[in-house]
Amino acid sequence: MSFIQKGTKAFLKTNAALFFGGFSTFAIMYSTQPLLPEFSREFHITPSVASLSLSMTTIALAVSMLFVGSLSDVKGRKTLMIFSLIAASLLAVLTAFVPNFHVLLIFRVLQGIVLAGLPAVAMAYLSEEIESASLGIAMGLYISGNSVGGMSGRIIIGTLTDVFNWRVALGSIGVLSFLASLLFWYLLPESKHFEPRPFEVRKLLKSMTNHLKNPVLLCLYGISFFLMGSFVTLFNYIGYQLLAPPYLLSQTIVGWIFVVYIVGTFSSTWMGRFADKHGRRKVLWVGLLIMASGAGLTLSTPLIIKIIGIAIFTFGFFGSHSVASSWVGYEANHDKAQASSLYLFFYYAGSSIGGTAGGTLWSAFGWVGVIGVILAFLLFALFLSIRLNSLAPARDPDLGKLDQ
């Protein structure tokens, strides 16, 4: 059976489906991020505690993905992804009716558990079904759906919170995500190269251990940790700064600032294609340096400069993530679902740890403290990306150009 090739109808349907799946997943996952100041005000909690509404979701998702990838080996890729999206959408609607912050956290943990089904499996699905020459752009298009979901969710949340309240906003995201889930179900082609295997805990642990012994994958996992840790830290606390003097912006305006995510839609596809042609290492270095320069610009007081800095930072992040995540698919020559799950485990662990730790430094040092954490994370990621130069080249001879 042939693989799905770029330019075919199946390629378009696959990417459209995963675009909707990414939209739904990330709209739900990050729906509480623009609401952190609202939670601090209504529930009388600190920024670090409010950030748990996101961190608890991402850490639950990170742990769940270690097992969900193997579960998909038994139940099938598409079936598990559909369940994940529909269950998460229904939980998002129920979250709008929680009586207090503690119950909100319980629902958010449950969302993290069921949401794991899409990101843990989507990368494996693409690696199995898309021809290798088109995998970079396919992964980039999938990640662009993630960026649109994250952007749209924040804009909708901010606007509806201003017009109604945060409960109406969360419920609306749940309904929109449910509709996107139905489109995903309809459009995604059935797996043709998937071969079901029984779930074996010992084999799972052995597979993960083998992946963790691979120095290239280990560096990529570390890079994913620091990438996501820096990204979530910036967006968790930028709202606190923009709602306060001297800016005093409304929730609606702060939500619309997240329109900068649209540059992620472009950069993830463009840098993925560029990496396929010119090599991942160089493109990854460039992406990290772009992120650092954007983060530095946000230290400027003028609002327009700060927004430009956020846009540059976002451009670098989505491009870097696209390159690193597709690299995992190329490097892992066996048990790709487990390799992808480990990548995303470190990715969302970085989100949870960095996102909450940033709140402590925000309270102590303000925005300078937040940027200090981000730049430290990016420095570690750059070190790991340079370390890849001294490691063995990719095993696939057809990808030799990627190690130039």
Protein backbone atom coordinates (compact mmCIF):
# COMPACT_ATOMS: atom_id res chain seq x y z
CA MET A 1 0.00 0.00 0.00
CA SER A 2 1.32 3.40 -1.01
CA PHE A 3 1.91 6.26 1.39
CA ILE A 4 -0.05 9.50 1.23
CA GLN A 5 1.76 11.97 -1.02
CA LYS A 6 1.70 15.75 -1.12
CA GLY A 7 -0.76 17.11 -3.68
CA THR A 8 -3.22 14.21 -3.48
CA LYS A 9 -6.81 14.41 -2.23
CA ALA A 10 -5.94 12.12 0.68
CA PHE A 11 -3.12 14.48 1.70
CA LEU A 12 -5.50 17.44 1.73
CA LYS A 13 -8.13 15.55 3.74
CA THR A 14 -5.55 14.29 6.23
CA ASN A 15 -4.17 17.74 6.88
CA ALA A 16 -7.61 19.33 7.04
CA ALA A 17 -8.71 16.73 9.61
CA LEU A 18 -5.63 17.17 11.76
CA PHE A 19 -6.01 20.94 11.44
CA PHE A 20 -9.48 20.67 13.00
CA GLY A 21 -8.20 18.18 15.57
CA GLY A 22 -5.35 20.49 16.54
CA PHE A 23 -7.77 23.42 16.70
CA SER A 24 -10.07 21.58 19.09
CA THR A 25 -7.28 20.24 21.29
CA PHE A 26 -5.47 23.51 21.78
CA ALA A 27 -8.57 25.68 22.06
CA ILE A 28 -9.63 23.51 25.01
CA MET A 29 -6.21 23.04 26.56
CA TYR A 30 -5.36 26.74 26.67
CA SER A 31 -8.87 28.06 27.24
CA THR A 32 -8.05 29.04 30.82
CA GLN A 33 -4.77 30.84 30.03
CA PRO A 34 -6.31 34.26 29.28
CA LEU A 35 -8.57 33.79 32.33
CA LEU A 36 -5.76 33.61 34.91
CA PRO A 37 -6.27 37.24 36.01
CA GLU A 38 -10.03 36.56 36.25
CA PHE A 39 -9.41 33.53 38.46
CA SER A 40 -7.02 35.54 40.66
CA ARG A 41 -9.70 38.19 41.11
CA GLU A 42 -12.78 35.97 41.56
CA PHE A 43 -11.22 33.19 43.65
CA HIS A 44 -8.69 35.43 45.51
CA ILE A 45 -5.65 33.37 44.51
CA THR A 46 -2.10 34.25 43.44
CA PRO A 47 -0.94 34.14 39.79
CA SER A 48 1.03 30.94 40.48
CA VAL A 49 -2.05 29.21 41.91
CA ALA A 50 -4.23 30.48 39.06
CA SER A 51 -1.71 29.03 36.58
CA LEU A 52 -2.50 25.55 37.96
CA SER A 53 -5.69 25.65 35.85
CA LEU A 54 -3.34 25.19 32.89
CA SER A 55 -0.39 23.40 34.50
CA MET A 56 -2.55 20.64 36.01
CA THR A 57 -4.06 20.00 32.58
CA THR A 58 -0.73 19.80 30.80
CA ILE A 59 0.95 17.58 33.40
CA ALA A 60 -2.03 15.19 33.34
CA LEU A 61 -1.80 15.17 29.57
CA ALA A 62 1.96 14.59 29.68
CA VAL A 63 1.67 11.53 31.93
CA SER A 64 -1.32 10.12 30.01
CA MET A 65 0.50 10.34 26.71
CA LEU A 66 3.10 7.86 27.92
CA PHE A 67 0.40 5.18 27.83
CA VAL A 68 -2.07 6.47 25.26
CA GLY A 69 0.37 5.95 22.41
CA SER A 70 0.60 2.26 23.29
CA LEU A 71 -3.16 2.05 23.73
CA SER A 72 -3.51 3.28 20.16
CA ASP A 73 -1.34 0.34 19.09
CA VAL A 74 -4.22 -1.85 20.26
CA LYS A 75 -7.35 0.20 19.51
CA GLY A 76 -6.21 2.01 16.38
CA ARG A 77 -5.07 5.58 15.73
CA LYS A 78 -8.28 7.14 14.41
CA THR A 79 -10.62 5.57 16.97
CA LEU A 80 -8.62 6.83 19.91
CA MET A 81 -8.23 10.34 18.49
CA ILE A 82 -11.98 10.65 17.90
CA PHE A 83 -12.78 9.57 21.46
CA SER A 84 -10.23 12.01 22.81
CA LEU A 85 -11.66 15.00 20.97
CA ILE A 86 -15.33 14.33 21.71
CA ALA A 87 -14.78 13.53 25.41
CA ALA A 88 -12.63 16.66 25.89
CA SER A 89 -15.27 18.83 24.20
CA LEU A 90 -18.03 17.55 26.51
CA LEU A 91 -15.83 18.11 29.57
CA ALA A 92 -15.13 21.66 28.37
CA VAL A 93 -18.86 22.39 28.39
CA LEU A 94 -19.23 20.97 31.93
CA THR A 95 -16.30 23.08 33.15
CA ALA A 96 -18.44 26.17 32.67
CA PHE A 97 -20.66 25.08 35.57
CA VAL A 98 -18.04 24.40 38.29
CA PRO A 99 -18.86 25.91 41.74
CA ASN A 100 -15.28 26.75 42.81
CA PHE A 101 -11.62 26.69 41.77
CA HIS A 102 -10.92 23.27 43.31
CA VAL A 103 -13.64 21.63 41.21
CA LEU A 104 -12.36 23.54 38.20
CA LEU A 105 -8.95 21.94 38.70
CA ILE A 106 -10.52 18.45 38.87
CA PHE A 107 -12.26 18.98 35.53
CA ARG A 108 -9.10 20.40 34.03
CA VAL A 109 -7.14 17.31 35.10
CA LEU A 110 -9.77 15.09 33.47
CA GLN A 111 -9.50 17.17 30.32
CA GLY A 112 -5.75 16.68 30.31
CA ILE A 113 -6.16 12.91 30.57
CA VAL A 114 -8.58 12.57 27.64
CA LEU A 115 -6.91 15.25 25.51
CA ALA A 116 -3.76 13.10 25.41
CA GLY A 117 -5.33 10.95 22.71
CA LEU A 118 -4.78 13.39 19.88
CA PRO A 119 -1.24 14.79 20.31
CA ALA A 120 0.14 11.42 21.41
CA VAL A 121 -1.23 9.65 18.35
CA ALA A 122 -1.33 12.31 15.60
CA MET A 123 2.45 12.40 15.19
CA ALA A 124 2.58 8.60 14.94
CA TYR A 125 -0.33 8.60 12.46
CA LEU A 126 1.47 11.08 10.20
CA SER A 127 4.78 9.20 10.46
CA GLU A 128 3.04 5.96 9.40
CA GLU A 129 0.77 7.29 6.65
CA ILE A 130 2.65 10.20 5.00
CA GLU A 131 5.59 9.63 2.66
CA SER A 132 8.87 10.71 4.27
CA ALA A 133 9.55 13.47 1.71
CA SER A 134 6.27 15.19 2.66
CA LEU A 135 6.36 14.58 6.42
CA GLY A 136 7.94 17.92 7.30
CA ILE A 137 5.24 19.99 5.64
CA ALA A 138 2.48 17.67 6.92
CA MET A 139 3.73 18.07 10.49
CA GLY A 140 3.97 21.80 9.94
CA LEU A 141 0.35 21.99 8.76
CA TYR A 142 -0.79 19.98 11.78
CA ILE A 143 1.07 22.31 14.13
CA SER A 144 -0.44 25.30 12.31
CA GLY A 145 -3.86 23.96 13.34
CA ASN A 146 -2.58 23.92 16.91
CA SER A 147 -1.57 27.57 16.61
CA VAL A 148 -4.93 28.59 15.11
CA GLY A 149 -6.74 26.72 17.88
CA GLY A 150 -4.66 28.38 20.56
CA MET A 151 -5.13 31.79 18.96
CA SER A 152 -8.87 31.49 18.28
CA GLY A 153 -9.57 30.03 21.70
CA ARG A 154 -7.89 32.94 23.47
CA ILE A 155 -9.64 35.55 21.30
CA ILE A 156 -13.04 33.95 21.83
CA ILE A 157 -12.41 33.54 25.56
CA GLY A 158 -11.30 37.16 25.99
CA THR A 159 -14.20 38.61 24.00
CA LEU A 160 -16.95 36.49 25.57
CA THR A 161 -15.56 37.08 29.05
CA ASP A 162 -15.88 40.83 28.53
CA VAL A 163 -19.36 40.59 27.00
CA PHE A 164 -20.75 37.89 29.32
CA ASN A 165 -18.44 36.09 31.78
CA TRP A 166 -15.74 33.42 31.83
CA ARG A 167 -18.27 30.61 32.27
CA VAL A 168 -20.09 31.44 29.03
CA ALA A 169 -16.69 31.71 27.34
CA LEU A 170 -15.55 28.23 28.45
CA GLY A 171 -18.87 26.65 27.47
CA SER A 172 -18.70 28.21 24.01
CA ILE A 173 -15.23 26.79 23.44
CA GLY A 174 -16.60 23.34 24.30
CA VAL A 175 -19.39 23.62 21.71
CA LEU A 176 -17.04 24.84 18.96
CA SER A 177 -14.58 22.07 19.74
CA PHE A 178 -17.32 19.46 19.50
CA LEU A 179 -18.19 20.65 15.99
CA ALA A 180 -14.50 20.59 15.01
CA SER A 181 -14.30 17.01 16.36
CA LEU A 182 -17.10 15.90 14.05
CA LEU A 183 -15.24 17.37 11.06
CA PHE A 184 -12.11 15.50 12.14
CA TRP A 185 -14.08 12.25 12.31
CA TYR A 186 -15.48 12.76 8.81
CA LEU A 187 -12.30 13.87 7.04
CA LEU A 188 -9.47 11.74 8.43
CA PRO A 189 -8.63 8.71 6.23
CA GLU A 190 -8.49 5.33 7.90
CA SER A 191 -5.02 4.01 8.71
CA LYS A 192 -3.53 1.85 5.96
CA HIS A 193 -0.14 1.10 7.48
CA PHE A 194 -1.24 0.58 11.07
CA GLU A 195 -0.76 -2.92 12.45
CA PRO A 196 -2.47 -3.62 15.80
CA ARG A 197 -0.37 -5.07 18.59
CA PRO A 198 -1.28 -6.29 22.08
CA PHE A 199 -0.63 -3.93 24.99
CA GLU A 200 2.40 -5.17 26.91
CA VAL A 201 3.67 -3.11 29.84
CA ARG A 202 7.12 -4.71 29.80
CA LYS A 203 7.51 -4.05 26.09
CA LEU A 204 6.30 -0.46 26.56
CA LEU A 205 8.87 0.21 29.28
CA LYS A 206 11.61 -1.40 27.21
CA SER A 207 10.66 0.69 24.18
CA MET A 208 10.72 3.92 26.19
CA THR A 209 14.04 3.00 27.77
CA ASN A 210 15.54 2.35 24.35
CA HIS A 211 14.32 5.72 23.10
CA LEU A 212 15.78 7.45 26.17
CA LYS A 213 19.14 5.80 25.42
CA ASN A 214 19.16 7.37 21.97
CA PRO A 215 21.26 10.56 22.41
CA VAL A 216 19.61 12.34 19.48
CA LEU A 217 16.11 11.69 20.80
CA LEU A 218 17.20 12.63 24.33
CA CYS A 219 18.43 16.01 23.10
CA LEU A 220 15.20 16.55 21.17
CA TYR A 221 13.18 15.71 24.29
CA GLY A 222 15.17 18.24 26.30
CA ILE A 223 14.69 20.87 23.61
CA SER A 224 10.93 20.27 23.66
CA PHE A 225 10.90 20.77 27.47
CA PHE A 226 12.63 24.14 27.26
CA LEU A 227 10.73 25.27 24.16
CA MET A 228 7.32 24.78 25.70
CA GLY A 229 8.41 25.95 29.14
CA SER A 230 9.49 29.30 27.73
CA PHE A 231 6.44 29.66 25.48
CA VAL A 232 3.82 29.01 28.15
CA THR A 233 5.64 31.17 30.69
CA LEU A 234 5.40 34.21 28.41
CA PHE A 235 1.73 33.77 27.55
CA ASN A 236 0.68 32.85 31.09
CA TYR A 237 1.74 36.20 32.52
CA ILE A 238 1.59 38.72 29.67
CA GLY A 239 -2.10 39.20 30.47
CA TYR A 240 -1.32 40.29 34.03
CA GLN A 241 1.03 42.98 32.69
CA LEU A 242 -1.28 44.24 29.96
CA LEU A 243 -4.34 44.46 32.25
CA ALA A 244 -2.34 46.54 34.76
CA PRO A 245 -0.93 50.11 34.47
CA PRO A 246 0.34 51.67 32.29
CA TYR A 247 -1.62 49.65 29.70
CA LEU A 248 -4.97 48.94 31.42
CA LEU A 249 -6.25 46.92 28.45
CA SER A 250 -9.57 45.08 28.52
CA GLN A 251 -9.90 41.29 28.39
CA THR A 252 -11.14 41.60 24.80
CA ILE A 253 -8.09 43.57 23.66
CA VAL A 254 -5.71 41.24 25.51
CA GLY A 255 -7.43 38.29 23.84
CA TRP A 256 -7.01 39.85 20.40
CA ILE A 257 -3.30 40.31 21.00
CA PHE A 258 -3.10 36.52 20.64
CA VAL A 259 -3.81 37.04 16.93
CA VAL A 260 0.00 36.97 16.70
CA TYR A 261 -0.50 33.19 16.72
CA ILE A 262 -1.21 33.54 13.01
CA VAL A 263 2.52 33.92 12.44
CA GLY A 264 2.88 30.46 14.00
CA THR A 265 0.54 29.09 11.34
CA PHE A 266 2.97 30.39 8.73
CA SER A 267 6.27 29.65 10.45
CA SER A 268 5.49 26.03 11.36
CA THR A 269 4.79 25.18 7.71
CA TRP A 270 7.53 27.38 6.23
CA MET A 271 10.28 26.28 8.60
CA GLY A 272 9.19 22.64 8.28
CA ARG A 273 9.57 22.86 4.50
CA PHE A 274 12.83 24.80 4.86
CA ALA A 275 14.21 22.13 7.22
CA ASP A 276 13.30 19.37 4.74
CA LYS A 277 15.38 21.18 2.13
CA HIS A 278 18.33 22.69 4.02
CA GLY A 279 18.72 20.68 7.23
CA ARG A 280 17.07 20.70 10.63
CA ARG A 281 20.02 21.69 12.80
CA LYS A 282 20.56 25.09 11.20
CA VAL A 283 16.84 25.87 11.06
CA LEU A 284 16.42 24.91 14.71
CA TRP A 285 19.25 27.24 15.77
CA VAL A 286 17.65 30.08 13.85
CA GLY A 287 14.27 29.40 15.46
CA LEU A 288 15.72 29.52 18.98
CA LEU A 289 17.57 32.76 18.30
CA ILE A 290 14.38 34.29 16.90
CA MET A 291 12.55 33.34 20.11
CA ALA A 292 15.25 34.92 22.28
CA SER A 293 15.21 38.18 20.31
CA GLY A 294 11.41 38.37 20.51
CA ALA A 295 11.43 37.75 24.27
CA GLY A 296 13.99 40.52 24.72
CA LEU A 297 11.83 43.00 22.79
CA THR A 298 8.92 42.50 25.20
CA LEU A 299 11.00 44.24 27.89
CA SER A 300 10.32 47.50 26.04
CA THR A 301 7.58 49.69 27.50
CA PRO A 302 5.86 50.87 24.27
CA LEU A 303 2.90 48.57 23.59
CA ILE A 304 3.54 48.26 19.86
CA ILE A 305 7.15 47.13 20.44
CA LYS A 306 5.96 44.63 23.04
CA ILE A 307 3.42 43.15 20.62
CA ILE A 308 6.03 42.93 17.85
CA GLY A 309 8.28 41.08 20.30
CA ILE A 310 5.49 38.63 21.14
CA ALA A 311 4.90 38.01 17.41
CA ILE A 312 8.61 37.37 16.74
CA PHE A 313 8.80 35.05 19.77
CA THR A 314 5.73 33.13 18.54
CA PHE A 315 7.14 32.83 15.02
CA GLY A 316 10.32 31.29 16.37
CA PHE A 317 8.51 28.92 18.72
CA PHE A 318 6.14 27.29 16.25
CA GLY A 319 8.88 26.95 13.65
CA SER A 320 11.26 25.37 16.15
CA HIS A 321 8.60 22.99 17.46
CA SER A 322 7.70 21.94 13.92
CA VAL A 323 11.34 21.09 13.16
CA ALA A 324 12.01 19.27 16.44
CA SER A 325 8.79 17.23 16.40
CA SER A 326 9.23 16.05 12.80
CA TRP A 327 12.84 15.15 13.63
CA VAL A 328 11.57 12.67 16.23
CA GLY A 329 9.53 10.92 13.53
CA TYR A 330 12.61 10.55 11.35
CA GLU A 331 14.98 9.48 14.12
CA ALA A 332 12.74 6.84 15.73
CA ASN A 333 13.00 3.77 13.50
CA HIS A 334 10.72 1.69 15.73
CA ASP A 335 7.76 2.26 18.08
CA LYS A 336 7.11 5.74 16.69
CA ALA A 337 4.05 6.26 18.91
CA GLN A 338 6.17 5.79 22.04
CA ALA A 339 8.88 8.09 20.67
CA SER A 340 6.27 10.77 19.97
CA SER A 341 4.69 10.27 23.39
CA LEU A 342 8.02 10.82 25.11
CA TYR A 343 8.65 13.96 23.09
CA LEU A 344 5.28 15.34 24.12
CA PHE A 345 5.73 14.21 27.72
CA PHE A 346 8.79 16.43 28.02
CA TYR A 347 7.03 19.13 26.01
CA TYR A 348 4.07 19.40 28.36
CA ALA A 349 6.16 18.79 31.47
CA GLY A 350 8.02 21.93 30.42
CA SER A 351 4.69 23.71 30.10
CA SER A 352 3.63 22.70 33.61
CA ILE A 353 6.93 23.40 35.38
CA GLY A 354 7.88 26.53 33.47
CA GLY A 355 4.37 27.94 33.46
CA THR A 356 3.97 27.73 37.24
CA ALA A 357 7.56 28.65 38.14
CA GLY A 358 7.22 31.79 36.04
CA GLY A 359 4.44 32.96 38.34
CA THR A 360 6.76 32.98 41.33
CA LEU A 361 9.27 35.16 39.49
CA TRP A 362 6.47 37.39 38.19
CA SER A 363 5.34 38.03 41.76
CA ALA A 364 8.93 38.67 42.92
CA PHE A 365 10.50 40.55 39.99
CA GLY A 366 7.74 41.42 37.56
CA TRP A 367 8.16 41.03 33.81
CA VAL A 368 11.97 41.09 34.03
CA GLY A 369 11.81 37.90 36.11
CA VAL A 370 9.55 36.22 33.56
CA ILE A 371 11.90 37.05 30.68
CA GLY A 372 14.87 35.89 32.75
CA VAL A 373 13.31 32.41 33.04
CA ILE A 374 12.51 32.34 29.33
CA LEU A 375 16.04 33.30 28.25
CA ALA A 376 17.54 30.71 30.59
CA PHE A 377 15.30 28.01 29.08
CA LEU A 378 16.24 29.05 25.54
CA LEU A 379 19.94 28.98 26.40
CA PHE A 380 19.61 25.36 27.57
CA ALA A 381 17.68 24.50 24.38
CA LEU A 382 20.38 26.10 22.23
CA PHE A 383 23.08 24.10 24.04
CA LEU A 384 21.20 20.86 23.32
CA SER A 385 20.70 21.78 19.67
CA ILE A 386 24.44 22.46 19.31
CA ARG A 387 25.11 19.15 21.06
CA LEU A 388 23.26 17.41 18.21
CA ASN A 389 26.14 18.36 15.92
CA SER A 390 28.50 15.94 17.66
CA LEU A 391 26.06 13.04 17.60
CA ALA A 392 25.72 10.35 14.95
CA PRO A 393 23.88 11.40 11.77
CA ALA A 394 20.36 10.22 11.05
CA ARG A 395 20.29 6.55 10.11
CA ASP A 396 18.14 6.97 7.00
CA PRO A 397 20.54 7.45 4.05
CA ASP A 398 17.85 9.37 2.16
CA LEU A 399 18.02 12.04 4.86
CA GLY A 400 21.75 12.61 4.69
CA LYS A 401 21.21 16.20 3.52
CA LEU A 402 19.55 16.96 6.84
CA ASP A 403 22.84 16.59 8.68
CA GLN A 404 24.81 18.99 6.56
